[in-house]
C-alpha atoms as a PDB file:
ATOM      1  CA  UNK A   1    -170.936  66.807  51.477  1.00  0.00           C
ATOM      2  CA  UNK A   2    -167.243  66.974  50.798  1.00  0.00           C
ATOM      3  CA  UNK A   3    -165.508  65.200  47.937  1.00  0.00           C
ATOM      4  CA  UNK A   4    -164.029  62.334  49.914  1.00  0.00           C
ATOM      5  CA  UNK A   5    -167.370  61.608  51.568  1.00  0.00           C
ATOM      6  CA  UNK A   6    -169.116  61.599  48.184  1.00  0.00           C
ATOM      7  CA  UNK A   7    -166.513  59.262  46.689  1.00  0.00           C
ATOM      8  CA  UNK A   8    -166.719  56.958  49.707  1.00  0.00           C
ATOM      9  CA  UNK A   9    -170.513  56.850  49.499  1.00  0.00           C
ATOM     10  CA  UNK A  10    -170.400  55.914  45.816  1.00  0.00           C
ATOM     11  CA  UNK A  11    -167.695  53.274  46.338  1.00  0.00           C
ATOM     12  CA  UNK A  12    -169.585  51.744  49.289  1.00  0.00           C
ATOM     13  CA  UNK A  13    -172.674  51.468  47.121  1.00  0.00           C
ATOM     14  CA  UNK A  14    -170.715  49.635  44.398  1.00  0.00           C
ATOM     15  CA  UNK A  15    -169.444  47.066  46.907  1.00  0.00           C
ATOM     16  CA  UNK A  16    -172.918  45.557  47.204  1.00  0.00           C
ATOM     17  CA  UNK A  17    -173.282  45.257  43.420  1.00  0.00           C
ATOM     18  CA  UNK A  18    -172.157  42.654  40.944  1.00  0.00           C
ATOM     19  CA  UNK A  19    -168.934  43.704  39.161  1.00  0.00           C
ATOM     20  CA  UNK A  20    -170.672  44.564  35.868  1.00  0.00           C
ATOM     21  CA  UNK A  21    -173.326  46.640  37.592  1.00  0.00           C
ATOM     22  CA  UNK A  22    -170.687  48.372  39.709  1.00  0.00           C
ATOM     23  CA  UNK A  23    -168.721  49.342  36.598  1.00  0.00           C
ATOM     24  CA  UNK A  24    -171.849  50.753  34.971  1.00  0.00           C
ATOM     25  CA  UNK A  25    -172.755  52.650  38.134  1.00  0.00           C
ATOM     26  CA  UNK A  26    -169.275  54.194  38.366  1.00  0.00           C
ATOM     27  CA  UNK A  27    -169.299  55.112  34.665  1.00  0.00           C
ATOM     28  CA  UNK A  28    -172.720  56.754  35.051  1.00  0.00           C
ATOM     29  CA  UNK A  29    -171.434  58.787  37.996  1.00  0.00           C
ATOM     30  CA  UNK A  30    -168.388  59.897  35.997  1.00  0.00           C
ATOM     31  CA  UNK A  31    -170.641  61.002  33.116  1.00  0.00           C
ATOM     32  CA  UNK A  32    -172.988  62.769  35.533  1.00  0.00           C
ATOM     33  CA  UNK A  33    -170.164  64.798  37.061  1.00  0.00           C
ATOM     34  CA  UNK A  34    -168.666  65.521  33.639  1.00  0.00           C
ATOM     35  CA  UNK A  35    -172.038  66.965  32.632  1.00  0.00           C
ATOM     36  CA  UNK A  36    -172.128  69.042  35.815  1.00  0.00           C
ATOM     37  CA  UNK A  37    -168.652  70.366  34.952  1.00  0.00           C
ATOM     38  CA  UNK A  38    -169.888  71.398  31.502  1.00  0.00           C
ATOM     39  CA  UNK A  39    -172.892  73.147  33.043  1.00  0.00           C
ATOM     40  CA  UNK A  40    -170.747  74.986  35.594  1.00  0.00           C
ATOM     41  CA  UNK A  41    -168.288  76.083  32.916  1.00  0.00           C
ATOM     42  CA  UNK A  42    -171.124  77.360  30.707  1.00  0.00           C
ATOM     43  CA  UNK A  43    -172.831  79.429  33.412  1.00  0.00           C
ATOM     44  CA  UNK A  44    -172.235  83.122  33.736  1.00  0.00           C
ATOM     45  CA  UNK A  45    -173.094  83.037  37.451  1.00  0.00           C
ATOM     46  CA  UNK A  46    -171.142  80.283  39.144  1.00  0.00           C
ATOM     47  CA  UNK A  47    -173.043  78.220  41.733  1.00  0.00           C
ATOM     48  CA  UNK A  48    -172.298  78.384  45.422  1.00  0.00           C
ATOM     49  CA  UNK A  49    -171.049  75.127  46.862  1.00  0.00           C
ATOM     50  CA  UNK A  50    -169.217  72.637  44.701  1.00  0.00           C
ATOM     51  CA  UNK A  51    -167.117  74.171  41.977  1.00  0.00           C
ATOM     52  CA  UNK A  52    -165.513  72.873  38.807  1.00  0.00           C
ATOM     53  CA  UNK A  53    -162.346  71.735  40.604  1.00  0.00           C
ATOM     54  CA  UNK A  54    -164.376  69.768  43.151  1.00  0.00           C
ATOM     55  CA  UNK A  55    -166.253  67.881  40.437  1.00  0.00           C
ATOM     56  CA  UNK A  56    -163.007  67.218  38.560  1.00  0.00           C
ATOM     57  CA  UNK A  57    -161.446  65.813  41.732  1.00  0.00           C
ATOM     58  CA  UNK A  58    -164.472  63.580  42.250  1.00  0.00           C
ATOM     59  CA  UNK A  59    -164.257  62.376  38.634  1.00  0.00           C
ATOM     60  CA  UNK A  60    -160.583  61.465  39.076  1.00  0.00           C
ATOM     61  CA  UNK A  61    -161.374  59.558  42.264  1.00  0.00           C
ATOM     62  CA  UNK A  62    -164.201  57.653  40.554  1.00  0.00           C
ATOM     63  CA  UNK A  63    -161.968  56.764  37.625  1.00  0.00           C
ATOM     64  CA  UNK A  64    -159.401  55.433  40.104  1.00  0.00           C
ATOM     65  CA  UNK A  65    -162.156  53.363  41.725  1.00  0.00           C
ATOM     66  CA  UNK A  66    -163.138  52.021  38.292  1.00  0.00           C
ATOM     67  CA  UNK A  67    -159.535  51.024  37.631  1.00  0.00           C
ATOM     68  CA  UNK A  68    -159.271  49.300  41.014  1.00  0.00           C
ATOM     69  CA  UNK A  69    -162.493  47.383  40.344  1.00  0.00           C
ATOM     70  CA  UNK A  70    -161.236  46.362  36.913  1.00  0.00           C
ATOM     71  CA  UNK A  71    -157.900  45.223  38.376  1.00  0.00           C
ATOM     72  CA  UNK A  72    -159.711  43.122  40.986  1.00  0.00           C
ATOM     73  CA  UNK A  73    -161.723  41.374  38.254  1.00  0.00           C
ATOM     74  CA  UNK A  74    -158.606  40.714  36.186  1.00  0.00           C
ATOM     75  CA  UNK A  75    -156.774  39.296  39.205  1.00  0.00           C
ATOM     76  CA  UNK A  76    -159.687  36.985  40.063  1.00  0.00           C
END
């Protein structure tokens, strides 16, 4: 799965949640991918597939989604 598809899948899942639950879900995903980044950086043998840059890009996209969700709640 590429980065944009992963981000879209996560964002689509949050759309069916209440705002508080969606924020928690996005924050958990950010933490999960931050932990994966730490694991990748600590490994001597780097994994095939997603790399550190891919996870960082996904984290940035999820943080942007969190900000958009927060802005929607403030505007409401």
